[in-house]
Amino acid sequence: IPLAELRQYADGPLDDFPLVRRGNRLSVMPVTPEQWEF
């Protein structure tokens, strides 16, 4: 599941997902249950 595809949902189901935020360099990040399922 490519990052480019995940970014398509940055203004929807993945709006709080740190990975789709520009400039996020963290190698470890939390995922909500809703984000996980999506």
Full PDB file with SEQRES, HELIX, SHEET, SSBOND, CRYST1, ORIGX, SCALE, CONECT and MASTER records, all heavy atoms in Angstrom:
SEQRES   1 A   38  ILE PRO LEU ALA GLU LEU ARG GLN TYR ALA ASP GLY PRO          
SEQRES   2 A   38  LEU ASP ASP PHE PRO LEU VAL ARG ARG GLY ASN ARG LEU          
SEQRES   3 A   38  SER VAL MET PRO VAL THR PRO GLU GLN TRP GLU PHE              
HELIX    1 AA1 LEU A    3  ARG A    7  1                                   5    
HELIX    2 AA2 PRO A   18  VAL A   20  5                                   3    
HELIX    3 AA3 PRO A   33  GLU A   37  1                                   5    
CRYST1    1.000    1.000    1.000  90.00  90.00  90.00 P 1           1          
ORIGX1      1.000000  0.000000  0.000000        0.00000                         
ORIGX2      0.000000  1.000000  0.000000        0.00000                         
ORIGX3      0.000000  0.000000  1.000000        0.00000                         
SCALE1      1.000000  0.000000  0.000000        0.00000                         
SCALE2      0.000000  1.000000  0.000000        0.00000                         
SCALE3      0.000000  0.000000  1.000000        0.00000                         
ATOM      1  N   ILE A   1       0.888  -1.174   0.000  1.00  0.00           N  
ATOM      2  CA  ILE A   1       0.000   0.000   0.000  1.00  0.00           C  
ATOM      3  C   ILE A   1       0.921   1.217   0.000  1.00  0.00           C  
ATOM      4  O   ILE A   1       1.519   1.548   1.028  1.00  0.00           O  
ATOM      5  CB  ILE A   1      -0.942   0.001   1.210  1.00  0.00           C  
ATOM      6  CG1 ILE A   1      -1.776  -1.285   1.228  1.00  0.00           C  
ATOM      7  CG2 ILE A   1      -1.840   1.239   1.165  1.00  0.00           C  
ATOM      8  CD1 ILE A   1      -2.616  -1.476   2.474  1.00  0.00           C  
ATOM      9  N   PRO A   2       1.074   1.860  -1.167  1.00  0.00           N  
ATOM     10  CA  PRO A   2       2.058   2.937  -1.275  1.00  0.00           C  
ATOM     11  C   PRO A   2       1.656   4.202  -0.518  1.00  0.00           C  
ATOM     12  O   PRO A   2       0.471   4.508  -0.349  1.00  0.00           O  
ATOM     13  CB  PRO A   2       2.136   3.219  -2.778  1.00  0.00           C  
ATOM     14  CG  PRO A   2       1.064   2.452  -3.427  1.00  0.00           C  
ATOM     15  CD  PRO A   2       0.409   1.571  -2.418  1.00  0.00           C  
ATOM     16  N   LEU A   3       2.673   4.938  -0.100  1.00  0.00           N  
ATOM     17  CA  LEU A   3       2.457   6.194   0.595  1.00  0.00           C  
ATOM     18  C   LEU A   3       1.593   7.140  -0.237  1.00  0.00           C  
ATOM     19  O   LEU A   3       0.708   7.803   0.299  1.00  0.00           O  
ATOM     20  CB  LEU A   3       3.801   6.856   0.929  1.00  0.00           C  
ATOM     21  CG  LEU A   3       3.737   8.231   1.590  1.00  0.00           C  
ATOM     22  CD1 LEU A   3       2.970   8.177   2.910  1.00  0.00           C  
ATOM     23  CD2 LEU A   3       5.144   8.765   1.803  1.00  0.00           C  
ATOM     24  N   ALA A   4       1.822   7.186  -1.544  1.00  0.00           N  
ATOM     25  CA  ALA A   4       1.033   8.079  -2.405  1.00  0.00           C  
ATOM     26  C   ALA A   4      -0.457   7.761  -2.305  1.00  0.00           C  
ATOM     27  O   ALA A   4      -1.293   8.666  -2.286  1.00  0.00           O  
ATOM     28  CB  ALA A   4       1.512   7.979  -3.845  1.00  0.00           C  
ATOM     29  N   GLU A   5      -0.799   6.490  -2.229  1.00  0.00           N  
ATOM     30  CA  GLU A   5      -2.201   6.107  -2.087  1.00  0.00           C  
ATOM     31  C   GLU A   5      -2.741   6.510  -0.714  1.00  0.00           C  
ATOM     32  O   GLU A   5      -3.854   7.030  -0.597  1.00  0.00           O  
ATOM     33  CB  GLU A   5      -2.360   4.602  -2.294  1.00  0.00           C  
ATOM     34  CG  GLU A   5      -3.793   4.127  -2.191  1.00  0.00           C  
ATOM     35  CD  GLU A   5      -3.938   2.629  -2.434  1.00  0.00           C  
ATOM     36  OE1 GLU A   5      -2.992   1.997  -2.961  1.00  0.00           O  
ATOM     37  OE2 GLU A   5      -5.005   2.099  -2.085  1.00  0.00           O  
ATOM     38  N   LEU A   6      -1.957   6.298   0.324  1.00  0.00           N  
ATOM     39  CA  LEU A   6      -2.386   6.667   1.668  1.00  0.00           C  
ATOM     40  C   LEU A   6      -2.632   8.173   1.776  1.00  0.00           C  
ATOM     41  O   LEU A   6      -3.572   8.607   2.435  1.00  0.00           O  
ATOM     42  CB  LEU A   6      -1.353   6.220   2.703  1.00  0.00           C  
ATOM     43  CG  LEU A   6      -1.179   4.705   2.841  1.00  0.00           C  
ATOM     44  CD1 LEU A   6       0.073   4.396   3.640  1.00  0.00           C  
ATOM     45  CD2 LEU A   6      -2.407   4.075   3.464  1.00  0.00           C  
ATOM     46  N   ARG A   7      -1.799   8.950   1.099  1.00  0.00           N  
ATOM     47  CA  ARG A   7      -1.955  10.416   1.147  1.00  0.00           C  
ATOM     48  C   ARG A   7      -3.272  10.877   0.528  1.00  0.00           C  
ATOM     49  O   ARG A   7      -3.755  11.960   0.846  1.00  0.00           O  
ATOM     50  CB  ARG A   7      -0.775  11.094   0.463  1.00  0.00           C  
ATOM     51  CG  ARG A   7       0.453  11.101   1.332  1.00  0.00           C  
ATOM     52  CD  ARG A   7       1.510  12.046   0.795  1.00  0.00           C  
ATOM     53  NE  ARG A   7       2.578  12.169   1.752  1.00  0.00           N  
ATOM     54  CZ  ARG A   7       3.871  12.113   1.445  1.00  0.00           C  
ATOM     55  NH1 ARG A   7       4.250  11.944   0.190  1.00  0.00           N  
ATOM     56  NH2 ARG A   7       4.780  12.239   2.379  1.00  0.00           N  
ATOM     57  N   GLN A   8      -3.853  10.077  -0.346  1.00  0.00           N  
ATOM     58  CA  GLN A   8      -5.142  10.440  -0.946  1.00  0.00           C  
ATOM     59  C   GLN A   8      -6.240  10.547   0.108  1.00  0.00           C  
ATOM     60  O   GLN A   8      -7.262  11.178  -0.132  1.00  0.00           O  
ATOM     61  CB  GLN A   8      -5.554   9.411  -1.996  1.00  0.00           C  
ATOM     62  CG  GLN A   8      -4.664   9.348  -3.198  1.00  0.00           C  
ATOM     63  CD  GLN A   8      -5.047   8.207  -4.125  1.00  0.00           C  
ATOM     64  OE1 GLN A   8      -6.075   7.555  -3.964  1.00  0.00           O  
ATOM     65  NE2 GLN A   8      -4.208   7.962  -5.126  1.00  0.00           N  
ATOM     66  N   TYR A   9      -6.028   9.920   1.258  1.00  0.00           N  
ATOM     67  CA  TYR A   9      -7.034   9.895   2.316  1.00  0.00           C  
ATOM     68  C   TYR A   9      -6.675  10.823   3.480  1.00  0.00           C  
ATOM     69  O   TYR A   9      -7.262  10.736   4.553  1.00  0.00           O  
ATOM     70  CB  TYR A   9      -7.220   8.458   2.825  1.00  0.00           C  
ATOM     71  CG  TYR A   9      -7.612   7.514   1.723  1.00  0.00           C  
ATOM     72  CD1 TYR A   9      -6.679   6.648   1.160  1.00  0.00           C  
ATOM     73  CD2 TYR A   9      -8.913   7.501   1.223  1.00  0.00           C  
ATOM     74  CE1 TYR A   9      -7.038   5.784   0.130  1.00  0.00           C  
ATOM     75  CE2 TYR A   9      -9.275   6.644   0.197  1.00  0.00           C  
ATOM     76  CZ  TYR A   9      -8.331   5.789  -0.339  1.00  0.00           C  
ATOM     77  OH  TYR A   9      -8.695   4.944  -1.360  1.00  0.00           O  
ATOM     78  N   ALA A  10      -5.701  11.720   3.250  1.00  0.00           N  
ATOM     79  CA  ALA A  10      -5.234  12.619   4.314  1.00  0.00           C  
ATOM     80  C   ALA A  10      -6.309  13.605   4.760  1.00  0.00           C  
ATOM     81  O   ALA A  10      -6.251  14.106   5.879  1.00  0.00           O  
ATOM     82  CB  ALA A  10      -3.983  13.364   3.867  1.00  0.00           C  
ATOM     83  N   ASP A  11      -7.258  13.905   3.907  1.00  0.00           N  
ATOM     84  CA  ASP A  11      -8.356  14.798   4.284  1.00  0.00           C  
ATOM     85  C   ASP A  11      -9.615  14.011   4.606  1.00  0.00           C  
ATOM     86  O   ASP A  11     -10.715  14.539   4.542  1.00  0.00           O  
ATOM     87  CB  ASP A  11      -8.638  15.805   3.156  1.00  0.00           C  
ATOM     88  CG  ASP A  11      -7.513  16.800   2.995  1.00  0.00           C  
ATOM     89  OD1 ASP A  11      -6.884  17.158   4.016  1.00  0.00           O  
ATOM     90  OD2 ASP A  11      -7.248  17.212   1.854  1.00  0.00           O  
ATOM     91  N   GLY A  12      -9.443  12.751   4.944  1.00  0.00           N  
ATOM     92  CA  GLY A  12     -10.581  11.891   5.267  1.00  0.00           C  
ATOM     93  C   GLY A  12     -10.223  10.946   6.386  1.00  0.00           C  
ATOM     94  O   GLY A  12      -9.797  11.384   7.461  1.00  0.00           O  
ATOM     95  N   PRO A  13     -10.317   9.641   6.111  1.00  0.00           N  
ATOM     96  CA  PRO A  13     -10.105   8.649   7.177  1.00  0.00           C  
ATOM     97  C   PRO A  13      -8.704   8.664   7.797  1.00  0.00           C  
ATOM     98  O   PRO A  13      -8.522   8.187   8.905  1.00  0.00           O  
ATOM     99  CB  PRO A  13     -10.351   7.306   6.487  1.00  0.00           C  
ATOM    100  CG  PRO A  13     -10.981   7.607   5.183  1.00  0.00           C  
ATOM    101  CD  PRO A  13     -10.698   9.023   4.851  1.00  0.00           C  
ATOM    102  N   LEU A  14      -7.723   9.220   7.101  1.00  0.00           N  
ATOM    103  CA  LEU A  14      -6.350   9.229   7.623  1.00  0.00           C  
ATOM    104  C   LEU A  14      -5.894  10.648   7.974  1.00  0.00           C  
ATOM    105  O   LEU A  14      -4.688  10.932   8.006  1.00  0.00           O  
ATOM    106  CB  LEU A  14      -5.393   8.587   6.617  1.00  0.00           C  
ATOM    107  CG  LEU A  14      -5.673   7.117   6.282  1.00  0.00           C  
ATOM    108  CD1 LEU A  14      -4.665   6.594   5.263  1.00  0.00           C  
ATOM    109  CD2 LEU A  14      -5.680   6.253   7.531  1.00  0.00           C  
ATOM    110  N   ASP A  15      -6.841  11.538   8.288  1.00  0.00           N  
ATOM    111  CA  ASP A  15      -6.467  12.932   8.531  1.00  0.00           C  
ATOM    112  C   ASP A  15      -5.561  13.114   9.742  1.00  0.00           C  
ATOM    113  O   ASP A  15      -4.756  14.033   9.769  1.00  0.00           O  
ATOM    114  CB  ASP A  15      -7.692  13.835   8.618  1.00  0.00           C  
ATOM    115  CG  ASP A  15      -8.610  13.501   9.780  1.00  0.00           C  
ATOM    116  OD1 ASP A  15      -8.483  12.416  10.365  1.00  0.00           O  
ATOM    117  OD2 ASP A  15      -9.468  14.337  10.100  1.00  0.00           O  
ATOM    118  N   ASP A  16      -5.643  12.252  10.732  1.00  0.00           N  
ATOM    119  CA  ASP A  16      -4.770  12.357  11.910  1.00  0.00           C  
ATOM    120  C   ASP A  16      -3.622  11.354  11.876  1.00  0.00           C  
ATOM    121  O   ASP A  16      -2.915  11.195  12.868  1.00  0.00           O  
ATOM    122  CB  ASP A  16      -5.581  12.119  13.200  1.00  0.00           C  
ATOM    123  CG  ASP A  16      -6.511  13.271  13.500  1.00  0.00           C  
ATOM    124  OD1 ASP A  16      -6.249  14.393  13.050  1.00  0.00           O  
ATOM    125  OD2 ASP A  16      -7.513  13.041  14.205  1.00  0.00           O  
ATOM    126  N   PHE A  17      -3.419  10.686  10.759  1.00  0.00           N  
ATOM    127  CA  PHE A  17      -2.381   9.664  10.651  1.00  0.00           C  
ATOM    128  C   PHE A  17      -1.038  10.358  10.408  1.00  0.00           C  
ATOM    129  O   PHE A  17      -0.848  11.022   9.384  1.00  0.00           O  
ATOM    130  CB  PHE A  17      -2.725   8.724   9.504  1.00  0.00           C  
ATOM    131  CG  PHE A  17      -1.896   7.485   9.421  1.00  0.00           C  
ATOM    132  CD1 PHE A  17      -1.529   6.779  10.553  1.00  0.00           C  
ATOM    133  CD2 PHE A  17      -1.499   6.995   8.187  1.00  0.00           C  
ATOM    134  CE1 PHE A  17      -0.782   5.608  10.468  1.00  0.00           C  
ATOM    135  CE2 PHE A  17      -0.751   5.832   8.085  1.00  0.00           C  
ATOM    136  CZ  PHE A  17      -0.389   5.142   9.223  1.00  0.00           C  
ATOM    137  N   PRO A  18      -0.077  10.231  11.338  1.00  0.00           N  
ATOM    138  CA  PRO A  18       1.190  10.969  11.202  1.00  0.00           C  
ATOM    139  C   PRO A  18       1.936  10.689   9.898  1.00  0.00           C  
ATOM    140  O   PRO A  18       2.602  11.579   9.372  1.00  0.00           O  
ATOM    141  CB  PRO A  18       2.007  10.500  12.412  1.00  0.00           C  
ATOM    142  CG  PRO A  18       1.024   9.968  13.388  1.00  0.00           C  
ATOM    143  CD  PRO A  18      -0.134   9.451  12.579  1.00  0.00           C  
ATOM    144  N   LEU A  19       1.830   9.498   9.364  1.00  0.00           N  
ATOM    145  CA  LEU A  19       2.585   9.138   8.157  1.00  0.00           C  
ATOM    146  C   LEU A  19       2.253  10.032   6.975  1.00  0.00           C  
ATOM    147  O   LEU A  19       3.124  10.318   6.153  1.00  0.00           O  
ATOM    148  CB  LEU A  19       2.314   7.672   7.792  1.00  0.00           C  
ATOM    149  CG  LEU A  19       3.068   7.144   6.581  1.00  0.00           C  
ATOM    150  CD1 LEU A  19       4.559   7.017   6.895  1.00  0.00           C  
ATOM    151  CD2 LEU A  19       2.508   5.806   6.131  1.00  0.00           C  
ATOM    152  N   VAL A  20       1.015  10.464   6.844  1.00  0.00           N  
ATOM    153  CA  VAL A  20       0.620  11.235   5.660  1.00  0.00           C  
ATOM    154  C   VAL A  20       0.889  12.729   5.820  1.00  0.00           C  
ATOM    155  O   VAL A  20       0.646  13.500   4.898  1.00  0.00           O  
ATOM    156  CB  VAL A  20      -0.859  10.974   5.270  1.00  0.00           C  
ATOM    157  CG1 VAL A  20      -1.071   9.513   4.931  1.00  0.00           C  
ATOM    158  CG2 VAL A  20      -1.822  11.419   6.357  1.00  0.00           C  
ATOM    159  N   ARG A  21       1.389  13.143   6.964  1.00  0.00           N  
ATOM    160  CA  ARG A  21       1.768  14.553   7.156  1.00  0.00           C  
ATOM    161  C   ARG A  21       3.130  14.800   6.511  1.00  0.00           C  
ATOM    162  O   ARG A  21       4.071  14.032   6.726  1.00  0.00           O  
ATOM    163  CB  ARG A  21       1.838  14.886   8.643  1.00  0.00           C  
ATOM    164  CG  ARG A  21       0.493  14.897   9.292  1.00  0.00           C  
ATOM    165  CD  ARG A  21       0.612  15.448  10.723  1.00  0.00           C  
ATOM    166  NE  ARG A  21      -0.484  14.915  11.506  1.00  0.00           N  
ATOM    167  CZ  ARG A  21      -0.372  14.335  12.675  1.00  0.00           C  
ATOM    168  NH1 ARG A  21       0.816  14.211  13.244  1.00  0.00           N  
ATOM    169  NH2 ARG A  21      -1.415  13.878  13.312  1.00  0.00           N  
ATOM    170  N   ARG A  22       3.217  15.857   5.770  1.00  0.00           N  
ATOM    171  CA  ARG A  22       4.490  16.215   5.123  1.00  0.00           C  
ATOM    172  C   ARG A  22       5.567  16.430   6.181  1.00  0.00           C  
ATOM    173  O   ARG A  22       5.311  17.008   7.236  1.00  0.00           O  
ATOM    174  CB  ARG A  22       4.330  17.494   4.305  1.00  0.00           C  
ATOM    175  CG  ARG A  22       3.402  17.314   3.127  1.00  0.00           C  
ATOM    176  CD  ARG A  22       4.177  16.921   1.913  1.00  0.00           C  
ATOM    177  NE  ARG A  22       3.244  16.765   0.793  1.00  0.00           N  
ATOM    178  CZ  ARG A  22       3.368  15.821  -0.115  1.00  0.00           C  
ATOM    179  NH1 ARG A  22       4.355  14.967  -0.042  1.00  0.00           N  
ATOM    180  NH2 ARG A  22       2.515  15.732  -1.092  1.00  0.00           N  
ATOM    181  N   GLY A  23       6.762  15.935   5.889  1.00  0.00           N  
ATOM    182  CA  GLY A  23       7.891  16.165   6.773  1.00  0.00           C  
ATOM    183  C   GLY A  23       7.972  15.246   7.977  1.00  0.00           C  
ATOM    184  O   GLY A  23       8.873  15.379   8.788  1.00  0.00           O  
ATOM    185  N   ASN A  24       7.044  14.296   8.110  1.00  0.00           N  
ATOM    186  CA  ASN A  24       7.108  13.390   9.259  1.00  0.00           C  
ATOM    187  C   ASN A  24       8.226  12.384   9.039  1.00  0.00           C  
ATOM    188  O   ASN A  24       8.204  11.620   8.091  1.00  0.00           O  
ATOM    189  CB  ASN A  24       5.779  12.668   9.464  1.00  0.00           C  
ATOM    190  CG  ASN A  24       5.783  11.876  10.755  1.00  0.00           C  
ATOM    191  OD1 ASN A  24       6.674  11.086  11.006  1.00  0.00           O  
ATOM    192  ND2 ASN A  24       4.792  12.109  11.583  1.00  0.00           N  
ATOM    193  N   ARG A  25       9.208  12.390   9.916  1.00  0.00           N  
ATOM    194  CA  ARG A  25      10.371  11.517   9.760  1.00  0.00           C  
ATOM    195  C   ARG A  25      10.449  10.441  10.837  1.00  0.00           C  
ATOM    196  O   ARG A  25      11.417   9.704  10.891  1.00  0.00           O  
ATOM    197  CB  ARG A  25      11.658  12.360   9.792  1.00  0.00           C  
ATOM    198  CG  ARG A  25      11.672  13.527   8.844  1.00  0.00           C  
ATOM    199  CD  ARG A  25      12.347  13.302   7.544  1.00  0.00           C  
ATOM    200  NE  ARG A  25      13.619  12.641   7.692  1.00  0.00           N  
ATOM    201  CZ  ARG A  25      14.084  11.792   6.782  1.00  0.00           C  
ATOM    202  NH1 ARG A  25      13.411  11.518   5.723  1.00  0.00           N  
ATOM    203  NH2 ARG A  25      15.254  11.218   6.951  1.00  0.00           N  
ATOM    204  N   LEU A  26       9.451  10.364  11.712  1.00  0.00           N  
ATOM    205  CA  LEU A  26       9.503   9.372  12.782  1.00  0.00           C  
ATOM    206  C   LEU A  26       9.491   7.953  12.213  1.00  0.00           C  
ATOM    207  O   LEU A  26       8.736   7.648  11.297  1.00  0.00           O  
ATOM    208  CB  LEU A  26       8.323   9.531  13.735  1.00  0.00           C  
ATOM    209  CG  LEU A  26       8.442  10.609  14.792  1.00  0.00           C  
ATOM    210  CD1 LEU A  26       7.186  10.632  15.643  1.00  0.00           C  
ATOM    211  CD2 LEU A  26       9.660  10.391  15.668  1.00  0.00           C  
ATOM    212  N   SER A  27      10.296   7.090  12.802  1.00  0.00           N  
ATOM    213  CA  SER A  27      10.353   5.693  12.355  1.00  0.00           C  
ATOM    214  C   SER A  27       9.352   4.814  13.092  1.00  0.00           C  
ATOM    215  O   SER A  27       9.140   3.666  12.711  1.00  0.00           O  
ATOM    216  CB  SER A  27      11.758   5.141  12.550  1.00  0.00           C  
ATOM    217  OG  SER A  27      12.104   5.173  13.920  1.00  0.00           O  
ATOM    218  N   VAL A  28       8.756   5.349  14.152  1.00  0.00           N  
ATOM    219  CA  VAL A  28       7.753   4.635  14.946  1.00  0.00           C  
ATOM    220  C   VAL A  28       6.608   5.606  15.178  1.00  0.00           C  
ATOM    221  O   VAL A  28       6.846   6.752  15.560  1.00  0.00           O  
ATOM    222  CB  VAL A  28       8.331   4.188  16.310  1.00  0.00           C  
ATOM    223  CG1 VAL A  28       7.263   3.548  17.176  1.00  0.00           C  
ATOM    224  CG2 VAL A  28       9.509   3.248  16.123  1.00  0.00           C  
ATOM    225  N   MET A  29       5.387   5.169  14.927  1.00  0.00           N  
ATOM    226  CA  MET A  29       4.246   6.058  15.167  1.00  0.00           C  
ATOM    227  C   MET A  29       3.008   5.253  15.520  1.00  0.00           C  
ATOM    228  O   MET A  29       2.857   4.108  15.079  1.00  0.00           O  
ATOM    229  CB  MET A  29       3.994   6.964  13.966  1.00  0.00           C  
ATOM    230  CG  MET A  29       3.683   6.256  12.681  1.00  0.00           C  
ATOM    231  SD  MET A  29       3.719   7.344  11.232  1.00  0.00           S  
ATOM    232  CE  MET A  29       5.447   7.729  11.098  1.00  0.00           C  
ATOM    233  N   PRO A  30       2.136   5.849  16.330  1.00  0.00           N  
ATOM    234  CA  PRO A  30       0.911   5.148  16.701  1.00  0.00           C  
ATOM    235  C   PRO A  30      -0.086   5.133  15.556  1.00  0.00           C  
ATOM    236  O   PRO A  30      -0.083   6.008  14.687  1.00  0.00           O  
ATOM    237  CB  PRO A  30       0.382   5.973  17.875  1.00  0.00           C  
ATOM    238  CG  PRO A  30       0.933   7.338  17.651  1.00  0.00           C  
ATOM    239  CD  PRO A  30       2.268   7.146  16.970  1.00  0.00           C  
ATOM    240  N   VAL A  31      -0.951   4.126  15.576  1.00  0.00           N  
ATOM    241  CA  VAL A  31      -2.027   3.971  14.599  1.00  0.00           C  
ATOM    242  C   VAL A  31      -3.300   3.727  15.405  1.00  0.00           C  
ATOM    243  O   VAL A  31      -3.315   2.864  16.292  1.00  0.00           O  
ATOM    244  CB  VAL A  31      -1.751   2.768  13.661  1.00  0.00           C  
ATOM    245  CG1 VAL A  31      -2.880   2.577  12.660  1.00  0.00           C  
ATOM    246  CG2 VAL A  31      -0.404   2.918  12.956  1.00  0.00           C  
ATOM    247  N   THR A  32      -4.354   4.460  15.105  1.00  0.00           N  
ATOM    248  CA  THR A  32      -5.614   4.235  15.813  1.00  0.00           C  
ATOM    249  C   THR A  32      -6.273   2.966  15.289  1.00  0.00           C  
ATOM    250  O   THR A  32      -5.988   2.531  14.161  1.00  0.00           O  
ATOM    251  CB  THR A  32      -6.595   5.415  15.642  1.00  0.00           C  
ATOM    252  OG1 THR A  32      -7.016   5.452  14.267  1.00  0.00           O  
ATOM    253  CG2 THR A  32      -5.969   6.740  16.065  1.00  0.00           C  
ATOM    254  N   PRO A  33      -7.169   2.359  16.060  1.00  0.00           N  
ATOM    255  CA  PRO A  33      -7.893   1.183  15.548  1.00  0.00           C  
ATOM    256  C   PRO A  33      -8.643   1.482  14.254  1.00  0.00           C  
ATOM    257  O   PRO A  33      -8.682   0.642  13.347  1.00  0.00           O  
ATOM    258  CB  PRO A  33      -8.854   0.830  16.684  1.00  0.00           C  
ATOM    259  CG  PRO A  33      -8.192   1.359  17.916  1.00  0.00           C  
ATOM    260  CD  PRO A  33      -7.484   2.622  17.477  1.00  0.00           C  
ATOM    261  N   GLU A  34      -9.207   2.674  14.135  1.00  0.00           N  
ATOM    262  CA  GLU A  34      -9.938   3.040  12.912  1.00  0.00           C  
ATOM    263  C   GLU A  34      -8.986   3.142  11.717  1.00  0.00           C  
ATOM    264  O   GLU A  34      -9.322   2.681  10.617  1.00  0.00           O  
ATOM    265  CB  GLU A  34     -10.675   4.374  13.120  1.00  0.00           C  
ATOM    266  CG  GLU A  34     -11.766   4.324  14.170  1.00  0.00           C  
ATOM    267  CD  GLU A  34     -11.254   4.401  15.617  1.00  0.00           C  
ATOM    268  OE1 GLU A  34     -10.091   4.819  15.852  1.00  0.00           O  
ATOM    269  OE2 GLU A  34     -12.017   4.023  16.520  1.00  0.00           O  
ATOM    270  N   GLN A  35      -7.818   3.735  11.925  1.00  0.00           N  
ATOM    271  CA  GLN A  35      -6.829   3.831  10.850  1.00  0.00           C  
ATOM    272  C   GLN A  35      -6.346   2.441  10.450  1.00  0.00           C  
ATOM    273  O   GLN A  35      -6.189   2.136   9.263  1.00  0.00           O  
ATOM    274  CB  GLN A  35      -5.650   4.699  11.294  1.00  0.00           C  
ATOM    275  CG  GLN A  35      -6.016   6.155  11.485  1.00  0.00           C  
ATOM    276  CD  GLN A  35      -4.989   6.926  12.295  1.00  0.00           C  
ATOM    277  OE1 GLN A  35      -4.126   6.358  12.968  1.00  0.00           O  
ATOM    278  NE2 GLN A  35      -5.091   8.248  12.262  1.00  0.00           N  
ATOM    279  N   TRP A  36      -6.104   1.590  11.444  1.00  0.00           N  
ATOM    280  CA  TRP A  36      -5.658   0.220  11.198  1.00  0.00           C  
ATOM    281  C   TRP A  36      -6.657  -0.511  10.293  1.00  0.00           C  
ATOM    282  O   TRP A  36      -6.282  -1.096   9.279  1.00  0.00           O  
ATOM    283  CB  TRP A  36      -5.502  -0.503  12.532  1.00  0.00           C  
ATOM    284  CG  TRP A  36      -5.089  -1.930  12.440  1.00  0.00           C  
ATOM    285  CD1 TRP A  36      -5.913  -3.015  12.341  1.00  0.00           C  
ATOM    286  CD2 TRP A  36      -3.755  -2.451  12.429  1.00  0.00           C  
ATOM    287  NE1 TRP A  36      -5.173  -4.164  12.284  1.00  0.00           N  
ATOM    288  CE2 TRP A  36      -3.850  -3.849  12.341  1.00  0.00           C  
ATOM    289  CE3 TRP A  36      -2.502  -1.862  12.514  1.00  0.00           C  
ATOM    290  CZ2 TRP A  36      -2.731  -4.668  12.308  1.00  0.00           C  
ATOM    291  CZ3 TRP A  36      -1.378  -2.683  12.488  1.00  0.00           C  
ATOM    292  CH2 TRP A  36      -1.504  -4.068  12.385  1.00  0.00           C  
ATOM    293  N   GLU A  37      -7.922  -0.466  10.666  1.00  0.00           N  
ATOM    294  CA  GLU A  37      -8.962  -1.150   9.886  1.00  0.00           C  
ATOM    295  C   GLU A  37      -9.071  -0.569   8.473  1.00  0.00           C  
ATOM    296  O   GLU A  37      -9.198  -1.310   7.502  1.00  0.00           O  
ATOM    297  CB  GLU A  37     -10.319  -1.064  10.602  1.00  0.00           C  
ATOM    298  CG  GLU A  37     -10.377  -1.850  11.896  1.00  0.00           C  
ATOM    299  CD  GLU A  37     -10.141  -3.347  11.731  1.00  0.00           C  
ATOM    300  OE1 GLU A  37     -10.582  -3.915  10.705  1.00  0.00           O  
ATOM    301  OE2 GLU A  37      -9.504  -3.942  12.607  1.00  0.00           O  
ATOM    302  N   PHE A  38      -9.017   0.750   8.359  1.00  0.00           N  
ATOM    303  CA  PHE A  38      -9.110   1.391   7.063  1.00  0.00           C  
ATOM    304  C   PHE A  38      -7.958   0.962   6.164  1.00  0.00           C  
ATOM    305  O   PHE A  38      -8.154   0.593   4.999  1.00  0.00           O  
ATOM    306  CB  PHE A  38      -9.147   2.920   7.201  1.00  0.00           C  
ATOM    307  CG  PHE A  38      -9.255   3.618   5.890  1.00  0.00           C  
ATOM    308  CD1 PHE A  38     -10.476   3.752   5.251  1.00  0.00           C  
ATOM    309  CD2 PHE A  38      -8.115   4.116   5.256  1.00  0.00           C  
ATOM    310  CE1 PHE A  38     -10.582   4.369   4.005  1.00  0.00           C  
ATOM    311  CE2 PHE A  38      -8.198   4.732   4.017  1.00  0.00           C  
ATOM    312  CZ  PHE A  38      -9.433   4.864   3.387  1.00  0.00           C  
TER     313      PHE A  38                                                      
MASTER        0    0    0    3    0    0    0    6  312    1    0    3          
END                                                                             
